[in-house]
Structures are given as structure tokens and as C-alpha cells.
N, C-alpha and C. Protein backbone atom coordinates (compact mmCIF):
# COMPACT_ATOMS: atom_id res chain seq x y z
N MET A 1 -13.10 10.12 -22.29
CA MET A 1 -12.25 9.41 -21.35
C MET A 1 -13.14 8.75 -20.30
N ASN A 2 -12.94 7.45 -20.12
CA ASN A 2 -13.69 6.68 -19.13
C ASN A 2 -12.88 6.66 -17.83
N ILE A 3 -13.33 7.40 -16.82
CA ILE A 3 -12.59 7.54 -15.57
C ILE A 3 -13.28 6.75 -14.46
N ILE A 4 -12.48 5.96 -13.76
CA ILE A 4 -12.93 5.22 -12.59
C ILE A 4 -12.21 5.81 -11.37
N PHE A 5 -12.96 6.14 -10.34
CA PHE A 5 -12.38 6.72 -9.13
C PHE A 5 -12.32 5.65 -8.03
N ARG A 6 -11.13 5.38 -7.52
CA ARG A 6 -10.98 4.51 -6.36
C ARG A 6 -11.61 5.18 -5.15
N ILE A 7 -12.04 4.41 -4.19
CA ILE A 7 -12.65 4.98 -2.98
C ILE A 7 -11.71 5.96 -2.30
N HIS A 8 -10.44 5.60 -2.22
CA HIS A 8 -9.44 6.48 -1.61
C HIS A 8 -9.42 7.84 -2.31
N ALA A 9 -9.47 7.85 -3.63
CA ALA A 9 -9.45 9.10 -4.39
C ALA A 9 -10.67 9.94 -4.08
N VAL A 10 -11.83 9.32 -4.02
CA VAL A 10 -13.07 10.06 -3.72
C VAL A 10 -13.01 10.67 -2.33
N GLN A 11 -12.48 9.92 -1.37
CA GLN A 11 -12.34 10.44 0.00
C GLN A 11 -11.42 11.64 0.02
N ARG A 12 -10.29 11.53 -0.67
CA ARG A 12 -9.33 12.64 -0.69
C ARG A 12 -9.88 13.85 -1.45
N MET A 13 -10.61 13.61 -2.52
CA MET A 13 -11.23 14.71 -3.26
C MET A 13 -12.21 15.47 -2.36
N PHE A 14 -13.02 14.74 -1.61
CA PHE A 14 -13.98 15.35 -0.70
C PHE A 14 -13.25 16.19 0.35
N GLU A 15 -12.21 15.62 0.97
CA GLU A 15 -11.44 16.33 2.00
C GLU A 15 -10.77 17.59 1.46
N ARG A 16 -10.35 17.54 0.21
CA ARG A 16 -9.54 18.61 -0.37
C ARG A 16 -10.33 19.53 -1.30
N LEU A 17 -11.64 19.33 -1.33
CA LEU A 17 -12.53 20.18 -2.13
C LEU A 17 -12.13 20.21 -3.60
N ILE A 18 -11.89 19.01 -4.13
CA ILE A 18 -11.56 18.85 -5.55
C ILE A 18 -12.65 17.99 -6.16
N ASN A 19 -13.34 18.49 -7.18
CA ASN A 19 -14.45 17.73 -7.75
C ASN A 19 -14.01 16.91 -8.96
N ALA A 20 -14.91 16.05 -9.43
CA ALA A 20 -14.61 15.17 -10.57
C ALA A 20 -14.30 15.95 -11.83
N GLU A 21 -14.98 17.07 -12.02
CA GLU A 21 -14.70 17.92 -13.18
C GLU A 21 -13.26 18.43 -13.14
N GLY A 22 -12.80 18.81 -11.95
CA GLY A 22 -11.42 19.27 -11.79
C GLY A 22 -10.42 18.18 -12.10
N VAL A 23 -10.70 16.97 -11.65
CA VAL A 23 -9.80 15.83 -11.93
C VAL A 23 -9.78 15.55 -13.43
N ARG A 24 -10.93 15.54 -14.07
CA ARG A 24 -10.99 15.32 -15.52
C ARG A 24 -10.17 16.40 -16.25
N HIS A 25 -10.31 17.65 -15.82
CA HIS A 25 -9.57 18.74 -16.43
C HIS A 25 -8.06 18.51 -16.32
N VAL A 26 -7.60 18.11 -15.13
CA VAL A 26 -6.17 17.83 -14.93
C VAL A 26 -5.72 16.70 -15.84
N LEU A 27 -6.49 15.63 -15.90
CA LEU A 27 -6.10 14.48 -16.74
C LEU A 27 -6.07 14.85 -18.22
N GLU A 28 -6.97 15.71 -18.66
CA GLU A 28 -7.04 16.08 -20.08
C GLU A 28 -6.05 17.15 -20.48
N THR A 29 -5.68 18.04 -19.55
CA THR A 29 -4.82 19.17 -19.92
C THR A 29 -3.48 19.20 -19.20
N GLY A 30 -3.33 18.37 -18.17
CA GLY A 30 -2.10 18.41 -17.36
C GLY A 30 -0.92 17.77 -18.05
N GLU A 31 0.19 17.84 -17.36
CA GLU A 31 1.42 17.25 -17.90
C GLU A 31 1.90 16.11 -17.02
N ALA A 32 2.40 15.08 -17.67
CA ALA A 32 2.88 13.90 -16.95
C ALA A 32 4.13 14.26 -16.16
N GLY A 33 4.18 13.73 -14.96
CA GLY A 33 5.34 13.92 -14.10
C GLY A 33 5.99 12.58 -13.85
N GLU A 34 6.08 12.22 -12.58
CA GLU A 34 6.71 10.96 -12.21
C GLU A 34 5.91 9.77 -12.73
N ASN A 35 6.63 8.70 -13.03
CA ASN A 35 6.00 7.44 -13.42
C ASN A 35 6.27 6.42 -12.34
N TYR A 36 5.30 5.53 -12.11
CA TYR A 36 5.42 4.49 -11.11
C TYR A 36 5.19 3.14 -11.79
N PRO A 37 6.19 2.66 -12.53
CA PRO A 37 6.02 1.45 -13.34
C PRO A 37 5.81 0.18 -12.53
N ALA A 38 6.17 0.15 -11.26
CA ALA A 38 6.02 -1.05 -10.45
C ALA A 38 4.65 -1.16 -9.79
N ASP A 39 3.81 -0.13 -9.92
CA ASP A 39 2.48 -0.19 -9.31
C ASP A 39 1.67 -1.32 -9.91
N LYS A 40 0.84 -1.93 -9.08
CA LYS A 40 -0.01 -3.05 -9.50
C LYS A 40 -1.47 -2.70 -9.24
N PRO A 41 -2.40 -3.12 -10.01
CA PRO A 41 -2.27 -4.03 -11.14
C PRO A 41 -1.84 -3.35 -12.44
N TYR A 42 -1.76 -2.00 -12.43
CA TYR A 42 -1.34 -1.26 -13.62
C TYR A 42 -0.28 -0.24 -13.22
N PRO A 43 0.70 0.00 -14.07
CA PRO A 43 1.63 1.10 -13.81
C PRO A 43 0.84 2.41 -13.73
N SER A 44 1.29 3.32 -12.88
CA SER A 44 0.58 4.59 -12.76
C SER A 44 1.53 5.75 -13.02
N ARG A 45 0.95 6.93 -13.04
CA ARG A 45 1.74 8.14 -13.30
C ARG A 45 1.14 9.30 -12.51
N LEU A 46 1.97 10.30 -12.30
CA LEU A 46 1.55 11.53 -11.65
C LEU A 46 1.27 12.55 -12.74
N VAL A 47 0.15 13.23 -12.64
CA VAL A 47 -0.19 14.28 -13.60
C VAL A 47 -0.37 15.58 -12.83
N LEU A 48 0.30 16.64 -13.29
CA LEU A 48 0.17 17.97 -12.70
C LEU A 48 -0.74 18.80 -13.58
N GLY A 49 -1.74 19.40 -12.97
CA GLY A 49 -2.61 20.31 -13.68
C GLY A 49 -2.97 21.48 -12.78
N TRP A 50 -3.70 22.42 -13.32
CA TRP A 50 -4.06 23.63 -12.59
C TRP A 50 -5.55 23.89 -12.67
N ARG A 51 -6.11 24.32 -11.57
CA ARG A 51 -7.48 24.82 -11.52
C ARG A 51 -7.35 26.25 -11.03
N GLY A 52 -7.33 27.17 -11.97
CA GLY A 52 -7.04 28.56 -11.63
C GLY A 52 -5.59 28.65 -11.19
N GLU A 53 -5.37 29.18 -10.01
CA GLU A 53 -4.02 29.30 -9.45
C GLU A 53 -3.62 28.08 -8.63
N ARG A 54 -4.51 27.14 -8.49
CA ARG A 54 -4.29 26.00 -7.61
C ARG A 54 -3.67 24.82 -8.36
N PRO A 55 -2.47 24.37 -7.93
CA PRO A 55 -1.89 23.17 -8.54
C PRO A 55 -2.58 21.92 -7.99
N ILE A 56 -2.80 20.95 -8.85
CA ILE A 56 -3.43 19.70 -8.46
C ILE A 56 -2.60 18.54 -9.01
N HIS A 57 -2.31 17.57 -8.17
CA HIS A 57 -1.67 16.32 -8.60
C HIS A 57 -2.72 15.23 -8.62
N VAL A 58 -2.74 14.47 -9.71
CA VAL A 58 -3.60 13.30 -9.83
C VAL A 58 -2.69 12.11 -10.11
N VAL A 59 -2.80 11.07 -9.30
CA VAL A 59 -2.09 9.83 -9.57
C VAL A 59 -3.11 8.88 -10.20
N ALA A 60 -2.80 8.43 -11.41
CA ALA A 60 -3.75 7.61 -12.15
C ALA A 60 -3.03 6.50 -12.91
N ALA A 61 -3.77 5.44 -13.16
CA ALA A 61 -3.28 4.32 -13.97
C ALA A 61 -4.20 4.20 -15.17
N HIS A 62 -3.72 3.53 -16.21
CA HIS A 62 -4.54 3.33 -17.39
C HIS A 62 -4.60 1.84 -17.72
N SER A 63 -5.81 1.36 -17.90
CA SER A 63 -6.01 -0.02 -18.32
C SER A 63 -6.36 0.00 -19.80
N ALA A 64 -5.39 -0.33 -20.63
CA ALA A 64 -5.64 -0.36 -22.08
C ALA A 64 -6.67 -1.42 -22.42
N ARG A 65 -6.66 -2.52 -21.69
CA ARG A 65 -7.60 -3.61 -21.95
C ARG A 65 -9.04 -3.15 -21.77
N ASP A 66 -9.29 -2.37 -20.71
CA ASP A 66 -10.65 -1.92 -20.41
C ASP A 66 -10.93 -0.51 -20.93
N GLY A 67 -9.90 0.19 -21.40
CA GLY A 67 -10.07 1.56 -21.86
C GLY A 67 -10.45 2.51 -20.73
N GLN A 68 -9.91 2.23 -19.53
CA GLN A 68 -10.26 3.03 -18.36
C GLN A 68 -9.03 3.71 -17.78
N THR A 69 -9.26 4.91 -17.26
CA THR A 69 -8.26 5.60 -16.46
C THR A 69 -8.72 5.49 -15.02
N ILE A 70 -7.87 4.93 -14.17
CA ILE A 70 -8.21 4.69 -12.77
C ILE A 70 -7.52 5.74 -11.92
N VAL A 71 -8.30 6.57 -11.25
CA VAL A 71 -7.76 7.63 -10.39
C VAL A 71 -7.51 7.02 -9.01
N ILE A 72 -6.25 7.08 -8.58
CA ILE A 72 -5.83 6.46 -7.33
C ILE A 72 -5.87 7.45 -6.18
N THR A 73 -5.34 8.64 -6.41
CA THR A 73 -5.42 9.69 -5.39
C THR A 73 -5.31 11.05 -6.07
N VAL A 74 -5.72 12.07 -5.31
CA VAL A 74 -5.75 13.45 -5.80
C VAL A 74 -5.35 14.34 -4.64
N TYR A 75 -4.46 15.32 -4.90
CA TYR A 75 -4.07 16.22 -3.82
C TYR A 75 -3.46 17.50 -4.37
N GLU A 76 -3.38 18.49 -3.51
CA GLU A 76 -2.68 19.73 -3.82
C GLU A 76 -1.26 19.57 -3.29
N PRO A 77 -0.26 19.64 -4.18
CA PRO A 77 1.12 19.41 -3.72
C PRO A 77 1.59 20.49 -2.75
N SER A 78 2.33 20.06 -1.76
CA SER A 78 2.86 20.97 -0.74
C SER A 78 4.12 21.66 -1.26
N PRO A 79 4.21 22.98 -1.09
CA PRO A 79 5.44 23.68 -1.50
C PRO A 79 6.65 23.28 -0.64
N TYR A 80 6.41 22.61 0.48
CA TYR A 80 7.51 22.14 1.32
C TYR A 80 8.11 20.84 0.78
N GLU A 81 7.34 20.10 0.01
CA GLU A 81 7.80 18.82 -0.53
C GLU A 81 8.15 18.87 -2.02
N TRP A 82 7.65 19.90 -2.72
CA TRP A 82 7.82 19.99 -4.17
C TRP A 82 8.52 21.28 -4.54
N GLU A 83 9.28 21.25 -5.62
CA GLU A 83 9.91 22.45 -6.15
C GLU A 83 8.83 23.47 -6.49
N ALA A 84 9.21 24.71 -6.72
CA ALA A 84 8.25 25.79 -6.94
C ALA A 84 7.32 25.53 -8.13
N ASP A 85 7.78 24.77 -9.12
CA ASP A 85 6.94 24.47 -10.29
C ASP A 85 6.04 23.24 -10.07
N PHE A 86 6.18 22.57 -8.93
CA PHE A 86 5.42 21.38 -8.54
C PHE A 86 5.64 20.19 -9.47
N ARG A 87 6.73 20.21 -10.22
CA ARG A 87 7.03 19.11 -11.15
C ARG A 87 8.01 18.10 -10.56
N ARG A 88 8.83 18.53 -9.60
CA ARG A 88 9.84 17.65 -9.02
C ARG A 88 9.81 17.75 -7.50
N ARG A 89 10.03 16.59 -6.87
CA ARG A 89 10.13 16.59 -5.41
C ARG A 89 11.43 17.25 -4.99
N LYS A 90 11.39 17.90 -3.84
CA LYS A 90 12.61 18.47 -3.28
C LYS A 90 13.46 17.32 -2.77
N LEU A 91 14.75 17.48 -2.87
CA LEU A 91 15.67 16.44 -2.40
C LEU A 91 15.89 16.49 -0.93
């Protein structure tokens, strides 16, 4: 998998102590959540994965033309904003 990290994603990874290996693991083993089809220049999606007991959300887009996965942001979902399984936002 050819992964490109946006500057914003790298900044957030640094702040949240999430490394590139962790992001790759989430993208390769995680499950797709919300889709953001209106995102530009490519539609993106939310992927939920786990590093040990820690849930991680990665928002990424895929460029089929370039064969690249573009990581937009990375974070640990808040239990105040997400259901207990971290798959759905609380209403």
C-alpha cells in the first residue's frame, strides 16, 4: 500500500502519539465506517482500527489513478462523541 500523509495528519499523529506503522495497521486491518463522498479532490472514508486496547480513527482517501492512499487525519475517538463501539457518532 502506497500511503501519503498530509501535513495535517502528521501533525495530529505527533500530538496523539500515533506512528506511521499504527496508521498502516489500521488501514490494512480496520473496518470502514462513515463515507464522505463529497470530499475533494477524492472521496474519503473513516476507518476504525485498534492498537492494543486503543481505538484509532483514520480518515483517508484513495486515488485509483495514482494508486495512493492519502491520510487526511488520525485521532483517538472520544467516548463522549462516539458510541461505545466507536463505529457510530452519538446523536
